[in-house]
Amino acid sequence: MVFRGHSEYLHCIVTRNSANQVVTGSEDGTARIWDCRSGKCVQIIGLQKSKKVKRSSYAVRCIALDESES
């Protein structure tokens, strides 16, 4: 399955086994939660981009989940 949505390359991928989801973090400054059954993005988490901030300043470079995967 192909997950389409990020406009830049990925830095991290984490699975949420309890919810059958994948969470991705990208150079585009967003984290996305994907449903593995449909391949669709179910939530986008990100900051508003500013023209004054360098691209690398708002990249999502790491994602961690606690034991509850919440």
PDB file of N, CA and C in Angstrom:
ATOM      1  N   MET A   1       0.848  -1.172   0.000  1.00  0.00           N
ATOM      2  CA  MET A   1       0.000   0.000   0.000  1.00  0.00           C
ATOM      3  C   MET A   1       0.896   1.237   0.000  1.00  0.00           C
ATOM      4  N   VAL A   2       0.478   2.262  -0.694  1.00  0.00           N
ATOM      5  CA  VAL A   2       1.223   3.523  -0.756  1.00  0.00           C
ATOM      6  C   VAL A   2       0.454   4.574   0.040  1.00  0.00           C
ATOM      7  N   PHE A   3       1.161   5.239   0.946  1.00  0.00           N
ATOM      8  CA  PHE A   3       0.571   6.311   1.747  1.00  0.00           C
ATOM      9  C   PHE A   3       1.033   7.630   1.150  1.00  0.00           C
ATOM     10  N   ARG A   4       0.122   8.416   0.605  1.00  0.00           N
ATOM     11  CA  ARG A   4       0.473   9.688  -0.038  1.00  0.00           C
ATOM     12  C   ARG A   4      -0.052  10.856   0.773  1.00  0.00           C
ATOM     13  N   GLY A   5       0.806  11.882   0.937  1.00  0.00           N
ATOM     14  CA  GLY A   5       0.348  13.063   1.662  1.00  0.00           C
ATOM     15  C   GLY A   5       1.466  14.021   2.028  1.00  0.00           C
ATOM     16  N   HIS A   6       2.605  13.505   2.475  1.00  0.00           N
ATOM     17  CA  HIS A   6       3.712  14.387   2.831  1.00  0.00           C
ATOM     18  C   HIS A   6       4.296  15.018   1.573  1.00  0.00           C
ATOM     19  N   SER A   7       4.722  16.284   1.697  1.00  0.00           N
ATOM     20  CA  SER A   7       5.312  16.976   0.548  1.00  0.00           C
ATOM     21  C   SER A   7       6.836  16.905   0.545  1.00  0.00           C
ATOM     22  N   GLU A   8       7.425  16.410   1.626  1.00  0.00           N
ATOM     23  CA  GLU A   8       8.881  16.255   1.728  1.00  0.00           C
ATOM     24  C   GLU A   8       9.189  14.849   2.240  1.00  0.00           C
ATOM     25  N   TYR A   9      10.469  14.527   2.363  1.00  0.00           N
ATOM     26  CA  TYR A   9      10.855  13.182   2.763  1.00  0.00           C
ATOM     27  C   TYR A   9      10.571  12.911   4.237  1.00  0.00           C
ATOM     28  N   LEU A  10      10.504  11.628   4.588  1.00  0.00           N
ATOM     29  CA  LEU A  10      10.194  11.196   5.948  1.00  0.00           C
ATOM     30  C   LEU A  10      11.450  11.115   6.804  1.00  0.00           C
ATOM     31  N   HIS A  11      11.277  11.434   8.084  1.00  0.00           N
ATOM     32  CA  HIS A  11      12.348  11.258   9.064  1.00  0.00           C
ATOM     33  C   HIS A  11      12.078  10.064   9.971  1.00  0.00           C
ATOM     34  N   CYS A  12      10.789   9.768  10.227  1.00  0.00           N
ATOM     35  CA  CYS A  12      10.489   8.707  11.184  1.00  0.00           C
ATOM     36  C   CYS A  12       9.137   8.065  10.890  1.00  0.00           C
ATOM     37  N   ILE A  13       9.046   6.797  11.275  1.00  0.00           N
ATOM     38  CA  ILE A  13       7.815   6.020  11.132  1.00  0.00           C
ATOM     39  C   ILE A  13       7.658   5.181  12.397  1.00  0.00           C
ATOM     40  N   VAL A  14       6.462   5.232  13.008  1.00  0.00           N
ATOM     41  CA  VAL A  14       6.169   4.464  14.216  1.00  0.00           C
ATOM     42  C   VAL A  14       4.831   3.761  14.009  1.00  0.00           C
ATOM     43  N   THR A  15       4.719   2.520  14.482  1.00  0.00           N
ATOM     44  CA  THR A  15       3.448   1.810  14.353  1.00  0.00           C
ATOM     45  C   THR A  15       2.656   1.880  15.654  1.00  0.00           C
ATOM     46  N   ARG A  16       1.355   1.992  15.514  1.00  0.00           N
ATOM     47  CA  ARG A  16       0.423   1.890  16.648  1.00  0.00           C
ATOM     48  C   ARG A  16      -0.335   0.587  16.440  1.00  0.00           C
ATOM     49  N   ASN A  17       0.213  -0.496  16.960  1.00  0.00           N
ATOM     50  CA  ASN A  17      -0.365  -1.817  16.734  1.00  0.00           C
ATOM     51  C   ASN A  17      -1.775  -1.943  17.289  1.00  0.00           C
ATOM     52  N   SER A  18      -2.046  -1.305  18.419  1.00  0.00           N
ATOM     53  CA  SER A  18      -3.367  -1.425  19.043  1.00  0.00           C
ATOM     54  C   SER A  18      -4.461  -0.783  18.192  1.00  0.00           C
ATOM     55  N   ALA A  19      -4.106   0.195  17.364  1.00  0.00           N
ATOM     56  CA  ALA A  19      -5.096   0.885  16.538  1.00  0.00           C
ATOM     57  C   ALA A  19      -4.924   0.585  15.055  1.00  0.00           C
ATOM     58  N   ASN A  20      -3.972  -0.290  14.708  1.00  0.00           N
ATOM     59  CA  ASN A  20      -3.681  -0.611  13.313  1.00  0.00           C
ATOM     60  C   ASN A  20      -3.383   0.664  12.521  1.00  0.00           C
ATOM     61  N   GLN A  21      -2.485   1.478  13.073  1.00  0.00           N
ATOM     62  CA  GLN A  21      -2.123   2.748  12.454  1.00  0.00           C
ATOM     63  C   GLN A  21      -0.612   2.899  12.373  1.00  0.00           C
ATOM     64  N   VAL A  22      -0.196   3.796  11.484  1.00  0.00           N
ATOM     65  CA  VAL A  22       1.197   4.190  11.348  1.00  0.00           C
ATOM     66  C   VAL A  22       1.252   5.697  11.546  1.00  0.00           C
ATOM     67  N   VAL A  23       2.278   6.161  12.277  1.00  0.00           N
ATOM     68  CA  VAL A  23       2.483   7.593  12.480  1.00  0.00           C
ATOM     69  C   VAL A  23       3.798   7.953  11.791  1.00  0.00           C
ATOM     70  N   THR A  24       3.775   8.992  10.950  1.00  0.00           N
ATOM     71  CA  THR A  24       4.962   9.398  10.214  1.00  0.00           C
ATOM     72  C   THR A  24       5.309  10.852  10.539  1.00  0.00           C
ATOM     73  N   GLY A  25       6.602  11.157  10.518  1.00  0.00           N
ATOM     74  CA  GLY A  25       7.082  12.524  10.709  1.00  0.00           C
ATOM     75  C   GLY A  25       7.920  12.913   9.508  1.00  0.00           C
ATOM     76  N   SER A  26       7.739  14.143   9.031  1.00  0.00           N
ATOM     77  CA  SER A  26       8.342  14.533   7.774  1.00  0.00           C
ATOM     78  C   SER A  26       9.085  15.866   7.841  1.00  0.00           C
ATOM     79  N   GLU A  27       9.937  16.071   6.862  1.00  0.00           N
ATOM     80  CA  GLU A  27      10.640  17.339   6.663  1.00  0.00           C
ATOM     81  C   GLU A  27       9.648  18.469   6.384  1.00  0.00           C
ATOM     82  N   ASP A  28       8.430  18.138   5.956  1.00  0.00           N
ATOM     83  CA  ASP A  28       7.439  19.172   5.649  1.00  0.00           C
ATOM     84  C   ASP A  28       6.821  19.806   6.894  1.00  0.00           C
ATOM     85  N   GLY A  29       7.248  19.358   8.085  1.00  0.00           N
ATOM     86  CA  GLY A  29       6.775  19.965   9.327  1.00  0.00           C
ATOM     87  C   GLY A  29       5.507  19.364   9.889  1.00  0.00           C
ATOM     88  N   THR A  30       5.085  18.235   9.341  1.00  0.00           N
ATOM     89  CA  THR A  30       3.867  17.602   9.842  1.00  0.00           C
ATOM     90  C   THR A  30       4.139  16.181  10.313  1.00  0.00           C
ATOM     91  N   ALA A  31       3.294  15.744  11.231  1.00  0.00           N
ATOM     92  CA  ALA A  31       3.185  14.335  11.603  1.00  0.00           C
ATOM     93  C   ALA A  31       1.814  13.904  11.111  1.00  0.00           C
ATOM     94  N   ARG A  32       1.724  12.726  10.577  1.00  0.00           N
ATOM     95  CA  ARG A  32       0.450  12.223  10.063  1.00  0.00           C
ATOM     96  C   ARG A  32       0.156  10.852  10.658  1.00  0.00           C
ATOM     97  N   ILE A  33      -1.109  10.625  10.946  1.00  0.00           N
ATOM     98  CA  ILE A  33      -1.566   9.329  11.424  1.00  0.00           C
ATOM     99  C   ILE A  33      -2.343   8.684  10.288  1.00  0.00           C
ATOM    100  N   TRP A  34      -1.936   7.452   9.943  1.00  0.00           N
ATOM    101  CA  TRP A  34      -2.502   6.733   8.802  1.00  0.00           C
ATOM    102  C   TRP A  34      -3.235   5.480   9.262  1.00  0.00           C
ATOM    103  N   ASP A  35      -4.364   5.212   8.650  1.00  0.00           N
ATOM    104  CA  ASP A  35      -5.098   3.974   8.873  1.00  0.00           C
ATOM    105  C   ASP A  35      -4.501   2.915   7.946  1.00  0.00           C
ATOM    106  N   CYS A  36      -3.990   1.824   8.503  1.00  0.00           N
ATOM    107  CA  CYS A  36      -3.345   0.780   7.706  1.00  0.00           C
ATOM    108  C   CYS A  36      -4.335  -0.017   6.858  1.00  0.00           C
ATOM    109  N   ARG A  37      -5.584  -0.044   7.245  1.00  0.00           N
ATOM    110  CA  ARG A  37      -6.578  -0.805   6.472  1.00  0.00           C
ATOM    111  C   ARG A  37      -6.939  -0.090   5.173  1.00  0.00           C
ATOM    112  N   SER A  38      -7.132   1.247   5.255  1.00  0.00           N
ATOM    113  CA  SER A  38      -7.567   2.006   4.078  1.00  0.00           C
ATOM    114  C   SER A  38      -6.423   2.726   3.374  1.00  0.00           C
ATOM    115  N   GLY A  39      -5.318   2.969   4.085  1.00  0.00           N
ATOM    116  CA  GLY A  39      -4.206   3.728   3.523  1.00  0.00           C
ATOM    117  C   GLY A  39      -4.427   5.226   3.545  1.00  0.00           C
ATOM    118  N   LYS A  40      -5.485   5.659   4.230  1.00  0.00           N
ATOM    119  CA  LYS A  40      -5.816   7.086   4.262  1.00  0.00           C
ATOM    120  C   LYS A  40      -5.267   7.752   5.518  1.00  0.00           C
ATOM    121  N   CYS A  41      -4.930   9.021   5.370  1.00  0.00           N
ATOM    122  CA  CYS A  41      -4.492   9.836   6.497  1.00  0.00           C
ATOM    123  C   CYS A  41      -5.720  10.206   7.327  1.00  0.00           C
ATOM    124  N   VAL A  42      -5.675   9.926   8.635  1.00  0.00           N
ATOM    125  CA  VAL A  42      -6.823  10.219   9.493  1.00  0.00           C
ATOM    126  C   VAL A  42      -6.600  11.472  10.345  1.00  0.00           C
ATOM    127  N   GLN A  43      -5.339  11.918  10.451  1.00  0.00           N
ATOM    128  CA  GLN A  43      -5.070  13.139  11.210  1.00  0.00           C
ATOM    129  C   GLN A  43      -3.722  13.718  10.787  1.00  0.00           C
ATOM    130  N   ILE A  44      -3.682  15.062  10.697  1.00  0.00           N
ATOM    131  CA  ILE A  44      -2.443  15.779  10.413  1.00  0.00           C
ATOM    132  C   ILE A  44      -2.138  16.667  11.607  1.00  0.00           C
ATOM    133  N   ILE A  45      -0.914  16.580  12.097  1.00  0.00           N
ATOM    134  CA  ILE A  45      -0.476  17.390  13.225  1.00  0.00           C
ATOM    135  C   ILE A  45       0.710  18.219  12.731  1.00  0.00           C
ATOM    136  N   GLY A  46       0.624  19.537  12.844  1.00  0.00           N
ATOM    137  CA  GLY A  46       1.728  20.354  12.351  1.00  0.00           C
ATOM    138  C   GLY A  46       1.620  21.794  12.795  1.00  0.00           C
ATOM    139  N   LEU A  47       2.707  22.512  12.590  1.00  0.00           N
ATOM    140  CA  LEU A  47       2.773  23.928  12.908  1.00  0.00           C
ATOM    141  C   LEU A  47       2.499  24.742  11.658  1.00  0.00           C
ATOM    142  N   GLN A  48       2.029  25.959  11.854  1.00  0.00           N
ATOM    143  CA  GLN A  48       1.883  26.852  10.720  1.00  0.00           C
ATOM    144  C   GLN A  48       3.262  27.285  10.265  1.00  0.00           C
ATOM    145  N   LYS A  49       3.486  27.264   8.969  1.00  0.00           N
ATOM    146  CA  LYS A  49       4.788  27.621   8.429  1.00  0.00           C
ATOM    147  C   LYS A  49       4.961  29.139   8.398  1.00  0.00           C
ATOM    148  N   SER A  50       6.153  29.575   8.678  1.00  0.00           N
ATOM    149  CA  SER A  50       6.501  30.993   8.633  1.00  0.00           C
ATOM    150  C   SER A  50       7.595  31.189   7.602  1.00  0.00           C
ATOM    151  N   LYS A  51       7.499  32.250   6.829  1.00  0.00           N
ATOM    152  CA  LYS A  51       8.515  32.530   5.818  1.00  0.00           C
ATOM    153  C   LYS A  51       9.857  32.857   6.451  1.00  0.00           C
ATOM    154  N   LYS A  52       9.864  33.252   7.728  1.00  0.00           N
ATOM    155  CA  LYS A  52      11.088  33.637   8.413  1.00  0.00           C
ATOM    156  C   LYS A  52      11.847  32.448   8.990  1.00  0.00           C
ATOM    157  N   VAL A  53      11.216  31.257   9.031  1.00  0.00           N
ATOM    158  CA  VAL A  53      11.817  30.079   9.652  1.00  0.00           C
ATOM    159  C   VAL A  53      12.377  29.153   8.569  1.00  0.00           C
ATOM    160  N   LYS A  54      13.590  28.666   8.771  1.00  0.00           N
ATOM    161  CA  LYS A  54      14.185  27.726   7.824  1.00  0.00           C
ATOM    162  C   LYS A  54      13.408  26.419   7.818  1.00  0.00           C
ATOM    163  N   ARG A  55      13.391  25.763   6.677  1.00  0.00           N
ATOM    164  CA  ARG A  55      12.671  24.495   6.533  1.00  0.00           C
ATOM    165  C   ARG A  55      13.098  23.482   7.586  1.00  0.00           C
ATOM    166  N   SER A  56      14.384  23.352   7.834  1.00  0.00           N
ATOM    167  CA  SER A  56      14.860  22.350   8.790  1.00  0.00           C
ATOM    168  C   SER A  56      14.463  22.678  10.223  1.00  0.00           C
ATOM    169  N   SER A  57      13.994  23.895  10.483  1.00  0.00           N
ATOM    170  CA  SER A  57      13.592  24.280  11.833  1.00  0.00           C
ATOM    171  C   SER A  57      12.253  23.692  12.234  1.00  0.00           C
ATOM    172  N   TYR A  58      11.412  23.349  11.271  1.00  0.00           N
ATOM    173  CA  TYR A  58      10.096  22.834  11.635  1.00  0.00           C
ATOM    174  C   TYR A  58       9.873  21.384  11.197  1.00  0.00           C
ATOM    175  N   ALA A  59      10.895  20.687  10.829  1.00  0.00           N
ATOM    176  CA  ALA A  59      10.759  19.277  10.459  1.00  0.00           C
ATOM    177  C   ALA A  59      10.426  18.430  11.687  1.00  0.00           C
ATOM    178  N   VAL A  60       9.623  17.396  11.490  1.00  0.00           N
ATOM    179  CA  VAL A  60       9.335  16.435  12.553  1.00  0.00           C
ATOM    180  C   VAL A  60      10.371  15.323  12.416  1.00  0.00           C
ATOM    181  N   ARG A  61      11.329  15.298  13.322  1.00  0.00           N
ATOM    182  CA  ARG A  61      12.463  14.381  13.206  1.00  0.00           C
ATOM    183  C   ARG A  61      12.325  13.113  14.047  1.00  0.00           C
ATOM    184  N   CYS A  62      11.430  13.111  15.036  1.00  0.00           N
ATOM    185  CA  CYS A  62      11.314  11.952  15.916  1.00  0.00           C
ATOM    186  C   CYS A  62       9.893  11.862  16.468  1.00  0.00           C
ATOM    187  N   ILE A  63       9.392  10.649  16.571  1.00  0.00           N
ATOM    188  CA  ILE A  63       8.065  10.395  17.162  1.00  0.00           C
ATOM    189  C   ILE A  63       8.236   9.256  18.155  1.00  0.00           C
ATOM    190  N   ALA A  64       7.653   9.410  19.325  1.00  0.00           N
ATOM    191  CA  ALA A  64       7.689   8.349  20.343  1.00  0.00           C
ATOM    192  C   ALA A  64       6.303   8.168  20.921  1.00  0.00           C
ATOM    193  N   LEU A  65       5.951   6.938  21.209  1.00  0.00           N
ATOM    194  CA  LEU A  65       4.664   6.616  21.832  1.00  0.00           C
ATOM    195  C   LEU A  65       4.922   5.985  23.189  1.00  0.00           C
ATOM    196  N   ASP A  66       4.008   6.233  24.121  1.00  0.00           N
ATOM    197  CA  ASP A  66       4.130   5.575  25.423  1.00  0.00           C
ATOM    198  C   ASP A  66       3.546   4.158  25.316  1.00  0.00           C
ATOM    199  N   GLU A  67       3.560   3.418  26.407  1.00  0.00           N
ATOM    200  CA  GLU A  67       3.087   2.036  26.379  1.00  0.00           C
ATOM    201  C   GLU A  67       1.632   1.899  25.949  1.00  0.00           C
ATOM    202  N   SER A  68       0.832   2.920  26.219  1.00  0.00           N
ATOM    203  CA  SER A  68      -0.577   2.853  25.810  1.00  0.00           C
ATOM    204  C   SER A  68      -0.762   3.196  24.337  1.00  0.00           C
ATOM    205  N   GLU A  69       0.316   3.602  23.666  1.00  0.00           N
ATOM    206  CA  GLU A  69       0.320   4.000  22.272  1.00  0.00           C
ATOM    207  C   GLU A  69      -0.621   5.175  22.006  1.00  0.00           C
ATOM    208  N   SER A  70      -0.801   6.012  23.011  1.00  0.00           N
ATOM    209  CA  SER A  70      -1.671   7.174  22.837  1.00  0.00           C
ATOM    210  C   SER A  70      -0.852   8.428  22.617  1.00  0.00           C
TER     211      SER A  70
END
